[in-house]
Amino acid sequence: MNLSFNDAELEVVRLAAEREGMASAAWAGRQVMAVAQHVLVPVSRDAEDVLRELIQARVELRETVAALRAVAATAVVSGAGAPVPAGTVVEEALKAVGRLDAATAAVLRERHPRS
């Protein structure tokens, strides 16, 4: 199998191989096998941003779930700390879900095969 790179691409490969103490051909071969075996999934820079957004949305959703649990506990047990406004918690949950939906749709668009 022959691989072809322009000068800029070859420099990127050379630098990556150098970081790992490998010959460029060996490094490229390892990467090709990792992709072929689905061990490594190439991700564009745009997808990296989307993945960061998904992680942030997940963190916020977990915090919102904790707040919802506090609302539920406050409603059941009187005098269990300062009450949390249920409307505010619900709005934050809806915002987090909206962000997660948008980020997920973006990932799906990125993963969809292009024709």
PDB file of N, CA and C in Angstrom:
ATOM      1  N   MET A   1       0.843  -1.160   0.000  1.00  0.00           N
ATOM      2  CA  MET A   1       0.000   0.000   0.000  1.00  0.00           C
ATOM      3  C   MET A   1       0.894   1.231   0.000  1.00  0.00           C
ATOM      4  N   ASN A   2       0.524   2.188  -0.804  1.00  0.00           N
ATOM      5  CA  ASN A   2       1.263   3.444  -0.853  1.00  0.00           C
ATOM      6  C   ASN A   2       0.402   4.552  -0.270  1.00  0.00           C
ATOM      7  N   LEU A   3       1.022   5.405   0.530  1.00  0.00           N
ATOM      8  CA  LEU A   3       0.339   6.566   1.076  1.00  0.00           C
ATOM      9  C   LEU A   3       0.975   7.808   0.484  1.00  0.00           C
ATOM     10  N   SER A   4       0.164   8.802   0.235  1.00  0.00           N
ATOM     11  CA  SER A   4       0.673  10.034  -0.361  1.00  0.00           C
ATOM     12  C   SER A   4       0.275  11.227   0.495  1.00  0.00           C
ATOM     13  N   PHE A   5       1.233  12.081   0.814  1.00  0.00           N
ATOM     14  CA  PHE A   5       0.994  13.274   1.621  1.00  0.00           C
ATOM     15  C   PHE A   5       1.592  14.483   0.913  1.00  0.00           C
ATOM     16  N   ASN A   6       0.962  15.637   1.077  1.00  0.00           N
ATOM     17  CA  ASN A   6       1.631  16.849   0.604  1.00  0.00           C
ATOM     18  C   ASN A   6       2.675  17.214   1.653  1.00  0.00           C
ATOM     19  N   ASP A   7       3.458  18.251   1.399  1.00  0.00           N
ATOM     20  CA  ASP A   7       4.554  18.604   2.313  1.00  0.00           C
ATOM     21  C   ASP A   7       4.064  18.918   3.726  1.00  0.00           C
ATOM     22  N   ALA A   8       2.968  19.673   3.834  1.00  0.00           N
ATOM     23  CA  ALA A   8       2.442  20.046   5.153  1.00  0.00           C
ATOM     24  C   ALA A   8       1.951  18.815   5.916  1.00  0.00           C
ATOM     25  N   GLU A   9       1.241  17.922   5.213  1.00  0.00           N
ATOM     26  CA  GLU A   9       0.736  16.706   5.857  1.00  0.00           C
ATOM     27  C   GLU A   9       1.888  15.812   6.306  1.00  0.00           C
ATOM     28  N   LEU A  10       2.880  15.685   5.465  1.00  0.00           N
ATOM     29  CA  LEU A  10       4.037  14.855   5.805  1.00  0.00           C
ATOM     30  C   LEU A  10       4.759  15.398   7.035  1.00  0.00           C
ATOM     31  N   GLU A  11       4.832  16.713   7.152  1.00  0.00           N
ATOM     32  CA  GLU A  11       5.462  17.325   8.325  1.00  0.00           C
ATOM     33  C   GLU A  11       4.661  17.015   9.587  1.00  0.00           C
ATOM     34  N   VAL A  12       3.338  17.052   9.503  1.00  0.00           N
ATOM     35  CA  VAL A  12       2.483  16.712  10.652  1.00  0.00           C
ATOM     36  C   VAL A  12       2.729  15.268  11.066  1.00  0.00           C
ATOM     37  N   VAL A  13       2.781  14.360  10.088  1.00  0.00           N
ATOM     38  CA  VAL A  13       3.033  12.949  10.372  1.00  0.00           C
ATOM     39  C   VAL A  13       4.419  12.782  10.985  1.00  0.00           C
ATOM     40  N   ARG A  14       5.416  13.448  10.412  1.00  0.00           N
ATOM     41  CA  ARG A  14       6.787  13.341  10.920  1.00  0.00           C
ATOM     42  C   ARG A  14       6.877  13.794  12.375  1.00  0.00           C
ATOM     43  N   LEU A  15       6.247  14.929  12.674  1.00  0.00           N
ATOM     44  CA  LEU A  15       6.282  15.448  14.044  1.00  0.00           C
ATOM     45  C   LEU A  15       5.558  14.523  15.026  1.00  0.00           C
ATOM     46  N   ALA A  16       4.421  13.974  14.605  1.00  0.00           N
ATOM     47  CA  ALA A  16       3.681  13.052  15.468  1.00  0.00           C
ATOM     48  C   ALA A  16       4.499  11.788  15.735  1.00  0.00           C
ATOM     49  N   ALA A  17       5.129  11.266  14.691  1.00  0.00           N
ATOM     50  CA  ALA A  17       5.966  10.077  14.845  1.00  0.00           C
ATOM     51  C   ALA A  17       7.155  10.367  15.747  1.00  0.00           C
ATOM     52  N   GLU A  18       7.753  11.527  15.574  1.00  0.00           N
ATOM     53  CA  GLU A  18       8.904  11.932  16.388  1.00  0.00           C
ATOM     54  C   GLU A  18       8.525  12.015  17.866  1.00  0.00           C
ATOM     55  N   ARG A  19       7.329  12.565  18.157  1.00  0.00           N
ATOM     56  CA  ARG A  19       6.868  12.664  19.555  1.00  0.00           C
ATOM     57  C   ARG A  19       6.803  11.302  20.220  1.00  0.00           C
ATOM     58  N   GLU A  20       6.514  10.280  19.422  1.00  0.00           N
ATOM     59  CA  GLU A  20       6.380   8.929  19.975  1.00  0.00           C
ATOM     60  C   GLU A  20       7.606   8.066  19.730  1.00  0.00           C
ATOM     61  N   GLY A  21       8.659   8.682  19.211  1.00  0.00           N
ATOM     62  CA  GLY A  21       9.906   7.952  19.000  1.00  0.00           C
ATOM     63  C   GLY A  21       9.800   6.857  17.945  1.00  0.00           C
ATOM     64  N   MET A  22       9.014   7.127  16.902  1.00  0.00           N
ATOM     65  CA  MET A  22       8.800   6.128  15.859  1.00  0.00           C
ATOM     66  C   MET A  22       9.195   6.692  14.499  1.00  0.00           C
ATOM     67  N   ALA A  23       9.450   5.783  13.566  1.00  0.00           N
ATOM     68  CA  ALA A  23       9.638   6.191  12.177  1.00  0.00           C
ATOM     69  C   ALA A  23       8.282   6.627  11.628  1.00  0.00           C
ATOM     70  N   SER A  24       8.274   7.553  10.696  1.00  0.00           N
ATOM     71  CA  SER A  24       7.021   8.074  10.145  1.00  0.00           C
ATOM     72  C   SER A  24       6.149   6.968   9.561  1.00  0.00           C
ATOM     73  N   ALA A  25       6.742   6.050   8.802  1.00  0.00           N
ATOM     74  CA  ALA A  25       5.969   4.970   8.182  1.00  0.00           C
ATOM     75  C   ALA A  25       5.352   4.054   9.242  1.00  0.00           C
ATOM     76  N   ALA A  26       6.119   3.753  10.288  1.00  0.00           N
ATOM     77  CA  ALA A  26       5.603   2.895  11.362  1.00  0.00           C
ATOM     78  C   ALA A  26       4.454   3.593  12.093  1.00  0.00           C
ATOM     79  N   TRP A  27       4.615   4.881  12.357  1.00  0.00           N
ATOM     80  CA  TRP A  27       3.561   5.635  13.043  1.00  0.00           C
ATOM     81  C   TRP A  27       2.294   5.671  12.189  1.00  0.00           C
ATOM     82  N   ALA A  28       2.452   5.973  10.895  1.00  0.00           N
ATOM     83  CA  ALA A  28       1.299   6.038   9.994  1.00  0.00           C
ATOM     84  C   ALA A  28       0.618   4.669   9.906  1.00  0.00           C
ATOM     85  N   GLY A  29       1.394   3.614   9.825  1.00  0.00           N
ATOM     86  CA  GLY A  29       0.832   2.262   9.772  1.00  0.00           C
ATOM     87  C   GLY A  29       0.033   1.933  11.019  1.00  0.00           C
ATOM     88  N   ARG A  30       0.570   2.315  12.178  1.00  0.00           N
ATOM     89  CA  ARG A  30      -0.149   2.067  13.439  1.00  0.00           C
ATOM     90  C   ARG A  30      -1.472   2.818  13.458  1.00  0.00           C
ATOM     91  N   GLN A  31      -1.462   4.073  12.982  1.00  0.00           N
ATOM     92  CA  GLN A  31      -2.690   4.874  12.973  1.00  0.00           C
ATOM     93  C   GLN A  31      -3.723   4.285  12.017  1.00  0.00           C
ATOM     94  N   VAL A  32      -3.260   3.857  10.841  1.00  0.00           N
ATOM     95  CA  VAL A  32      -4.165   3.256   9.859  1.00  0.00           C
ATOM     96  C   VAL A  32      -4.823   2.010  10.448  1.00  0.00           C
ATOM     97  N   MET A  33      -4.059   1.161  11.107  1.00  0.00           N
ATOM     98  CA  MET A  33      -4.614  -0.053  11.716  1.00  0.00           C
ATOM     99  C   MET A  33      -5.595   0.290  12.839  1.00  0.00           C
ATOM    100  N   ALA A  34      -5.272   1.288  13.635  1.00  0.00           N
ATOM    101  CA  ALA A  34      -6.170   1.679  14.730  1.00  0.00           C
ATOM    102  C   ALA A  34      -7.506   2.167  14.186  1.00  0.00           C
ATOM    103  N   VAL A  35      -7.478   2.924  13.103  1.00  0.00           N
ATOM    104  CA  VAL A  35      -8.728   3.390  12.484  1.00  0.00           C
ATOM    105  C   VAL A  35      -9.471   2.203  11.886  1.00  0.00           C
ATOM    106  N   ALA A  36      -8.767   1.328  11.200  1.00  0.00           N
ATOM    107  CA  ALA A  36      -9.398   0.173  10.558  1.00  0.00           C
ATOM    108  C   ALA A  36     -10.058  -0.752  11.579  1.00  0.00           C
ATOM    109  N   GLN A  37      -9.461  -0.858  12.754  1.00  0.00           N
ATOM    110  CA  GLN A  37     -10.003  -1.728  13.807  1.00  0.00           C
ATOM    111  C   GLN A  37     -10.974  -0.995  14.732  1.00  0.00           C
ATOM    112  N   HIS A  38     -11.312   0.242  14.398  1.00  0.00           N
ATOM    113  CA  HIS A  38     -12.225   1.078  15.198  1.00  0.00           C
ATOM    114  C   HIS A  38     -11.719   1.318  16.619  1.00  0.00           C
ATOM    115  N   VAL A  39     -10.406   1.247  16.790  1.00  0.00           N
ATOM    116  CA  VAL A  39      -9.791   1.590  18.072  1.00  0.00           C
ATOM    117  C   VAL A  39      -9.634   3.106  18.155  1.00  0.00           C
ATOM    118  N   LEU A  40      -9.357   3.719  17.019  1.00  0.00           N
ATOM    119  CA  LEU A  40      -9.188   5.161  16.905  1.00  0.00           C
ATOM    120  C   LEU A  40     -10.226   5.679  15.921  1.00  0.00           C
ATOM    121  N   VAL A  41     -11.018   6.652  16.363  1.00  0.00           N
ATOM    122  CA  VAL A  41     -12.022   7.244  15.487  1.00  0.00           C
ATOM    123  C   VAL A  41     -11.596   8.677  15.206  1.00  0.00           C
ATOM    124  N   PRO A  42     -11.250   8.971  13.959  1.00  0.00           N
ATOM    125  CA  PRO A  42     -10.825  10.328  13.628  1.00  0.00           C
ATOM    126  C   PRO A  42     -11.962  11.324  13.902  1.00  0.00           C
ATOM    127  N   VAL A  43     -11.605  12.452  14.473  1.00  0.00           N
ATOM    128  CA  VAL A  43     -12.592  13.481  14.801  1.00  0.00           C
ATOM    129  C   VAL A  43     -12.060  14.819  14.292  1.00  0.00           C
ATOM    130  N   SER A  44     -12.937  15.561  13.617  1.00  0.00           N
ATOM    131  CA  SER A  44     -12.530  16.871  13.118  1.00  0.00           C
ATOM    132  C   SER A  44     -12.426  17.864  14.270  1.00  0.00           C
ATOM    133  N   ARG A  45     -11.826  19.003  14.008  1.00  0.00           N
ATOM    134  CA  ARG A  45     -11.734  20.037  15.047  1.00  0.00           C
ATOM    135  C   ARG A  45     -13.110  20.518  15.460  1.00  0.00           C
ATOM    136  N   ASP A  46     -14.036  20.622  14.496  1.00  0.00           N
ATOM    137  CA  ASP A  46     -15.407  21.014  14.826  1.00  0.00           C
ATOM    138  C   ASP A  46     -16.043  20.000  15.764  1.00  0.00           C
ATOM    139  N   ALA A  47     -15.784  18.716  15.512  1.00  0.00           N
ATOM    140  CA  ALA A  47     -16.339  17.669  16.370  1.00  0.00           C
ATOM    141  C   ALA A  47     -15.752  17.740  17.779  1.00  0.00           C
ATOM    142  N   GLU A  48     -14.496  18.121  17.888  1.00  0.00           N
ATOM    143  CA  GLU A  48     -13.897  18.280  19.221  1.00  0.00           C
ATOM    144  C   GLU A  48     -14.673  19.311  20.026  1.00  0.00           C
ATOM    145  N   ASP A  49     -15.019  20.432  19.378  1.00  0.00           N
ATOM    146  CA  ASP A  49     -15.802  21.467  20.056  1.00  0.00           C
ATOM    147  C   ASP A  49     -17.161  20.933  20.465  1.00  0.00           C
ATOM    148  N   VAL A  50     -17.769  20.149  19.594  1.00  0.00           N
ATOM    149  CA  VAL A  50     -19.077  19.573  19.896  1.00  0.00           C
ATOM    150  C   VAL A  50     -18.970  18.609  21.072  1.00  0.00           C
ATOM    151  N   LEU A  51     -17.918  17.801  21.090  1.00  0.00           N
ATOM    152  CA  LEU A  51     -17.741  16.863  22.191  1.00  0.00           C
ATOM    153  C   LEU A  51     -17.530  17.599  23.515  1.00  0.00           C
ATOM    154  N   ARG A  52     -16.779  18.703  23.471  1.00  0.00           N
ATOM    155  CA  ARG A  52     -16.604  19.505  24.692  1.00  0.00           C
ATOM    156  C   ARG A  52     -17.953  20.033  25.171  1.00  0.00           C
ATOM    157  N   GLU A  53     -18.792  20.472  24.224  1.00  0.00           N
ATOM    158  CA  GLU A  53     -20.125  20.969  24.569  1.00  0.00           C
ATOM    159  C   GLU A  53     -20.985  19.861  25.179  1.00  0.00           C
ATOM    160  N   LEU A  54     -20.894  18.660  24.625  1.00  0.00           N
ATOM    161  CA  LEU A  54     -21.638  17.532  25.192  1.00  0.00           C
ATOM    162  C   LEU A  54     -21.199  17.253  26.625  1.00  0.00           C
ATOM    163  N   ILE A  55     -19.902  17.301  26.860  1.00  0.00           N
ATOM    164  CA  ILE A  55     -19.392  17.060  28.217  1.00  0.00           C
ATOM    165  C   ILE A  55     -19.886  18.136  29.166  1.00  0.00           C
ATOM    166  N   GLN A  56     -19.832  19.401  28.741  1.00  0.00           N
ATOM    167  CA  GLN A  56     -20.304  20.498  29.590  1.00  0.00           C
ATOM    168  C   GLN A  56     -21.795  20.379  29.856  1.00  0.00           C
ATOM    169  N   ALA A  57     -22.561  20.034  28.830  1.00  0.00           N
ATOM    170  CA  ALA A  57     -24.005  19.874  29.002  1.00  0.00           C
ATOM    171  C   ALA A  57     -24.304  18.742  29.978  1.00  0.00           C
ATOM    172  N   ARG A  58     -23.524  17.689  29.909  1.00  0.00           N
ATOM    173  CA  ARG A  58     -23.722  16.560  30.827  1.00  0.00           C
ATOM    174  C   ARG A  58     -23.464  16.980  32.275  1.00  0.00           C
ATOM    175  N   VAL A  59     -22.397  17.758  32.483  1.00  0.00           N
ATOM    176  CA  VAL A  59     -22.081  18.252  33.825  1.00  0.00           C
ATOM    177  C   VAL A  59     -23.241  19.100  34.354  1.00  0.00           C
ATOM    178  N   GLU A  60     -23.721  20.024  33.514  1.00  0.00           N
ATOM    179  CA  GLU A  60     -24.813  20.896  33.938  1.00  0.00           C
ATOM    180  C   GLU A  60     -26.096  20.105  34.178  1.00  0.00           C
ATOM    181  N   LEU A  61     -26.327  19.085  33.374  1.00  0.00           N
ATOM    182  CA  LEU A  61     -27.522  18.270  33.557  1.00  0.00           C
ATOM    183  C   LEU A  61     -27.450  17.507  34.881  1.00  0.00           C
ATOM    184  N   ARG A  62     -26.276  17.008  35.238  1.00  0.00           N
ATOM    185  CA  ARG A  62     -26.121  16.326  36.531  1.00  0.00           C
ATOM    186  C   ARG A  62     -26.396  17.287  37.694  1.00  0.00           C
ATOM    187  N   GLU A  63     -25.897  18.529  37.579  1.00  0.00           N
ATOM    188  CA  GLU A  63     -26.146  19.529  38.617  1.00  0.00           C
ATOM    189  C   GLU A  63     -27.640  19.846  38.714  1.00  0.00           C
ATOM    190  N   THR A  64     -28.296  19.908  37.559  1.00  0.00           N
ATOM    191  CA  THR A  64     -29.724  20.194  37.533  1.00  0.00           C
ATOM    192  C   THR A  64     -30.516  19.040  38.146  1.00  0.00           C
ATOM    193  N   VAL A  65     -30.119  17.825  37.868  1.00  0.00           N
ATOM    194  CA  VAL A  65     -30.781  16.666  38.464  1.00  0.00           C
ATOM    195  C   VAL A  65     -30.652  16.710  39.982  1.00  0.00           C
ATOM    196  N   ALA A  66     -29.466  17.077  40.464  1.00  0.00           N
ATOM    197  CA  ALA A  66     -29.280  17.195  41.923  1.00  0.00           C
ATOM    198  C   ALA A  66     -30.218  18.254  42.491  1.00  0.00           C
ATOM    199  N   ALA A  67     -30.363  19.382  41.770  1.00  0.00           N
ATOM    200  CA  ALA A  67     -31.277  20.435  42.223  1.00  0.00           C
ATOM    201  C   ALA A  67     -32.728  19.959  42.200  1.00  0.00           C
ATOM    202  N   LEU A  68     -33.102  19.199  41.171  1.00  0.00           N
ATOM    203  CA  LEU A  68     -34.456  18.649  41.110  1.00  0.00           C
ATOM    204  C   LEU A  68     -34.715  17.698  42.276  1.00  0.00           C
ATOM    205  N   ARG A  69     -33.709  16.911  42.605  1.00  0.00           N
ATOM    206  CA  ARG A  69     -33.853  16.015  43.766  1.00  0.00           C
ATOM    207  C   ARG A  69     -34.048  16.827  45.041  1.00  0.00           C
ATOM    208  N   ALA A  70     -33.330  17.953  45.157  1.00  0.00           N
ATOM    209  CA  ALA A  70     -33.495  18.825  46.332  1.00  0.00           C
ATOM    210  C   ALA A  70     -34.903  19.389  46.380  1.00  0.00           C
ATOM    211  N   VAL A  71     -35.444  19.766  45.212  1.00  0.00           N
ATOM    212  CA  VAL A  71     -36.819  20.274  45.159  1.00  0.00           C
ATOM    213  C   VAL A  71     -37.780  19.188  45.630  1.00  0.00           C
ATOM    214  N   ALA A  72     -37.576  17.981  45.146  1.00  0.00           N
ATOM    215  CA  ALA A  72     -38.451  16.880  45.529  1.00  0.00           C
ATOM    216  C   ALA A  72     -38.346  16.601  47.020  1.00  0.00           C
ATOM    217  N   ALA A  73     -37.130  16.637  47.557  1.00  0.00           N
ATOM    218  CA  ALA A  73     -36.937  16.391  48.989  1.00  0.00           C
ATOM    219  C   ALA A  73     -37.574  17.494  49.819  1.00  0.00           C
ATOM    220  N   THR A  74     -37.462  18.742  49.363  1.00  0.00           N
ATOM    221  CA  THR A  74     -38.043  19.868  50.082  1.00  0.00           C
ATOM    222  C   THR A  74     -39.560  19.768  50.082  1.00  0.00           C
ATOM    223  N   ALA A  75     -40.111  19.309  48.983  1.00  0.00           N
ATOM    224  CA  ALA A  75     -41.570  19.191  48.893  1.00  0.00           C
ATOM    225  C   ALA A  75     -42.085  18.097  49.806  1.00  0.00           C
ATOM    226  N   VAL A  76     -41.281  17.065  50.013  1.00  0.00           N
ATOM    227  CA  VAL A  76     -41.721  15.947  50.852  1.00  0.00           C
ATOM    228  C   VAL A  76     -41.428  16.217  52.319  1.00  0.00           C
ATOM    229  N   VAL A  77     -40.262  16.777  52.601  1.00  0.00           N
ATOM    230  CA  VAL A  77     -39.843  17.001  53.988  1.00  0.00           C
ATOM    231  C   VAL A  77     -39.841  18.498  54.252  1.00  0.00           C
ATOM    232  N   SER A  78     -40.762  18.954  55.097  1.00  0.00           N
ATOM    233  CA  SER A  78     -40.802  20.389  55.391  1.00  0.00           C
ATOM    234  C   SER A  78     -39.635  20.754  56.303  1.00  0.00           C
ATOM    235  N   GLY A  79     -39.116  21.961  56.122  1.00  0.00           N
ATOM    236  CA  GLY A  79     -38.019  22.438  56.963  1.00  0.00           C
ATOM    237  C   GLY A  79     -36.682  21.812  56.627  1.00  0.00           C
ATOM    238  N   ALA A  80     -36.546  21.238  55.444  1.00  0.00           N
ATOM    239  CA  ALA A  80     -35.290  20.582  55.064  1.00  0.00           C
ATOM    240  C   ALA A  80     -34.391  21.547  54.303  1.00  0.00           C
ATOM    241  N   GLY A  81     -34.086  22.693  54.868  1.00  0.00           N
ATOM    242  CA  GLY A  81     -33.222  23.665  54.207  1.00  0.00           C
ATOM    243  C   GLY A  81     -34.030  24.672  53.419  1.00  0.00           C
ATOM    244  N   ALA A  82     -33.305  25.598  52.779  1.00  0.00           N
ATOM    245  CA  ALA A  82     -33.969  26.650  52.008  1.00  0.00           C
ATOM    246  C   ALA A  82     -34.609  26.041  50.768  1.00  0.00           C
ATOM    247  N   PRO A  83     -35.875  26.356  50.512  1.00  0.00           N
ATOM    248  CA  PRO A  83     -36.528  25.802  49.334  1.00  0.00           C
ATOM    249  C   PRO A  83     -35.935  26.366  48.035  1.00  0.00           C
ATOM    250  N   VAL A  84     -35.872  25.537  47.037  1.00  0.00           N
ATOM    251  CA  VAL A  84     -35.371  25.936  45.725  1.00  0.00           C
ATOM    252  C   VAL A  84     -36.583  26.207  44.847  1.00  0.00           C
ATOM    253  N   PRO A  85     -36.634  27.357  44.161  1.00  0.00           N
ATOM    254  CA  PRO A  85     -37.784  27.631  43.294  1.00  0.00           C
ATOM    255  C   PRO A  85     -37.890  26.584  42.184  1.00  0.00           C
ATOM    256  N   ALA A  86     -38.965  25.825  42.176  1.00  0.00           N
ATOM    257  CA  ALA A  86     -39.139  24.727  41.220  1.00  0.00           C
ATOM    258  C   ALA A  86     -39.107  25.233  39.780  1.00  0.00           C
ATOM    259  N   GLY A  87     -39.709  26.391  39.520  1.00  0.00           N
ATOM    260  CA  GLY A  87     -39.728  26.926  38.162  1.00  0.00           C
ATOM    261  C   GLY A  87     -38.329  27.173  37.631  1.00  0.00           C
ATOM    262  N   THR A  88     -37.460  27.700  38.474  1.00  0.00           N
ATOM    263  CA  THR A  88     -36.075  27.968  38.077  1.00  0.00           C
ATOM    264  C   THR A  88     -35.351  26.668  37.752  1.00  0.00           C
ATOM    265  N   VAL A  89     -35.530  25.665  38.573  1.00  0.00           N
ATOM    266  CA  VAL A  89     -34.870  24.374  38.362  1.00  0.00           C
ATOM    267  C   VAL A  89     -35.352  23.736  37.071  1.00  0.00           C
ATOM    268  N   VAL A  90     -36.658  23.798  36.838  1.00  0.00           N
ATOM    269  CA  VAL A  90     -37.211  23.210  35.613  1.00  0.00           C
ATOM    270  C   VAL A  90     -36.668  23.938  34.384  1.00  0.00           C
ATOM    271  N   GLU A  91     -36.611  25.272  34.433  1.00  0.00           N
ATOM    272  CA  GLU A  91     -36.071  26.038  33.295  1.00  0.00           C
ATOM    273  C   GLU A  91     -34.621  25.671  33.021  1.00  0.00           C
ATOM    274  N   GLU A  92     -33.820  25.521  34.067  1.00  0.00           N
ATOM    275  CA  GLU A  92     -32.418  25.138  33.884  1.00  0.00           C
ATOM    276  C   GLU A  92     -32.317  23.736  33.281  1.00  0.00           C
ATOM    277  N   ALA A  93     -33.192  22.843  33.709  1.00  0.00           N
ATOM    278  CA  ALA A  93     -33.200  21.482  33.160  1.00  0.00           C
ATOM    279  C   ALA A  93     -33.538  21.520  31.674  1.00  0.00           C
ATOM    280  N   LEU A  94     -34.524  22.327  31.311  1.00  0.00           N
ATOM    281  CA  LEU A  94     -34.915  22.428  29.906  1.00  0.00           C
ATOM    282  C   LEU A  94     -33.798  23.025  29.057  1.00  0.00           C
ATOM    283  N   LYS A  95     -33.094  24.018  29.583  1.00  0.00           N
ATOM    284  CA  LYS A  95     -31.960  24.599  28.853  1.00  0.00           C
ATOM    285  C   LYS A  95     -30.863  23.552  28.636  1.00  0.00           C
ATOM    286  N   ALA A  96     -30.568  22.785  29.695  1.00  0.00           N
ATOM    287  CA  ALA A  96     -29.524  21.764  29.599  1.00  0.00           C
ATOM    288  C   ALA A  96     -29.915  20.691  28.584  1.00  0.00           C
ATOM    289  N   VAL A  97     -31.176  20.286  28.605  1.00  0.00           N
ATOM    290  CA  VAL A  97     -31.643  19.290  27.651  1.00  0.00           C
ATOM    291  C   VAL A  97     -31.552  19.840  26.227  1.00  0.00           C
ATOM    292  N   GLY A  98     -31.908  21.108  26.039  1.00  0.00           N
ATOM    293  CA  GLY A  98     -31.813  21.733  24.726  1.00  0.00           C
ATOM    294  C   GLY A  98     -30.389  21.761  24.209  1.00  0.00           C
ATOM    295  N   ARG A  99     -29.436  22.094  25.085  1.00  0.00           N
ATOM    296  CA  ARG A  99     -28.031  22.115  24.691  1.00  0.00           C
ATOM    297  C   ARG A  99     -27.548  20.715  24.335  1.00  0.00           C
ATOM    298  N   LEU A 100     -27.963  19.738  25.120  1.00  0.00           N
ATOM    299  CA  LEU A 100     -27.567  18.360  24.864  1.00  0.00           C
ATOM    300  C   LEU A 100     -28.150  17.875  23.539  1.00  0.00           C
ATOM    301  N   ASP A 101     -29.404  18.220  23.268  1.00  0.00           N
ATOM    302  CA  ASP A 101     -30.029  17.854  21.991  1.00  0.00           C
ATOM    303  C   ASP A 101     -29.276  18.468  20.817  1.00  0.00           C
ATOM    304  N   ALA A 102     -28.956  19.747  20.911  1.00  0.00           N
ATOM    305  CA  ALA A 102     -28.261  20.431  19.820  1.00  0.00           C
ATOM    306  C   ALA A 102     -26.880  19.822  19.590  1.00  0.00           C
ATOM    307  N   ALA A 103     -26.157  19.549  20.657  1.00  0.00           N
ATOM    308  CA  ALA A 103     -24.821  18.972  20.528  1.00  0.00           C
ATOM    309  C   ALA A 103     -24.894  17.565  19.956  1.00  0.00           C
ATOM    310  N   THR A 104     -25.880  16.791  20.394  1.00  0.00           N
ATOM    311  CA  THR A 104     -26.041  15.432  19.890  1.00  0.00           C
ATOM    312  C   THR A 104     -26.363  15.456  18.399  1.00  0.00           C
ATOM    313  N   ALA A 105     -27.247  16.357  17.981  1.00  0.00           N
ATOM    314  CA  ALA A 105     -27.579  16.477  16.556  1.00  0.00           C
ATOM    315  C   ALA A 105     -26.340  16.833  15.747  1.00  0.00           C
ATOM    316  N   ALA A 106     -25.496  17.701  16.290  1.00  0.00           N
ATOM    317  CA  ALA A 106     -24.264  18.082  15.596  1.00  0.00           C
ATOM    318  C   ALA A 106     -23.329  16.885  15.450  1.00  0.00           C
ATOM    319  N   VAL A 107     -23.229  16.058  16.484  1.00  0.00           N
ATOM    320  CA  VAL A 107     -22.380  14.861  16.400  1.00  0.00           C
ATOM    321  C   VAL A 107     -22.929  13.909  15.355  1.00  0.00           C
ATOM    322  N   LEU A 108     -24.236  13.746  15.326  1.00  0.00           N
ATOM    323  CA  LEU A 108     -24.846  12.856  14.340  1.00  0.00           C
ATOM    324  C   LEU A 108     -24.580  13.366  12.918  1.00  0.00           C
ATOM    325  N   ARG A 109     -24.669  14.666  12.713  1.00  0.00           N
ATOM    326  CA  ARG A 109     -24.364  15.223  11.388  1.00  0.00           C
ATOM    327  C   ARG A 109     -22.906  14.947  11.020  1.00  0.00           C
ATOM    328  N   GLU A 110     -22.007  15.087  11.994  1.00  0.00           N
ATOM    329  CA  GLU A 110     -20.577  14.866  11.757  1.00  0.00           C
ATOM    330  C   GLU A 110     -20.306  13.400  11.413  1.00  0.00           C
ATOM    331  N   ARG A 111     -21.005  12.483  12.061  1.00  0.00           N
ATOM    332  CA  ARG A 111     -20.759  11.053  11.879  1.00  0.00           C
ATOM    333  C   ARG A 111     -21.452  10.493  10.642  1.00  0.00           C
ATOM    334  N   HIS A 112     -22.421  11.241  10.070  1.00  0.00           N
ATOM    335  CA  HIS A 112     -23.172  10.765   8.908  1.00  0.00           C
ATOM    336  C   HIS A 112     -22.259  10.726   7.690  1.00  0.00           C
ATOM    337  N   PRO A 113     -22.256   9.591   6.978  1.00  0.00           N
ATOM    338  CA  PRO A 113     -21.377   9.516   5.805  1.00  0.00           C
ATOM    339  C   PRO A 113     -21.736  10.569   4.765  1.00  0.00           C
ATOM    340  N   ARG A 114     -20.728  11.186   4.219  1.00  0.00           N
ATOM    341  CA  ARG A 114     -20.951  12.209   3.197  1.00  0.00           C
ATOM    342  C   ARG A 114     -20.911  11.550   1.830  1.00  0.00           C
ATOM    343  N   SER A 115     -21.797  12.012   0.927  1.00  0.00           N
ATOM    344  CA  SER A 115     -21.794  11.423  -0.416  1.00  0.00           C
ATOM    345  C   SER A 115     -21.177  12.351  -1.436  1.00  0.00           C
TER     346      SER A 115
END
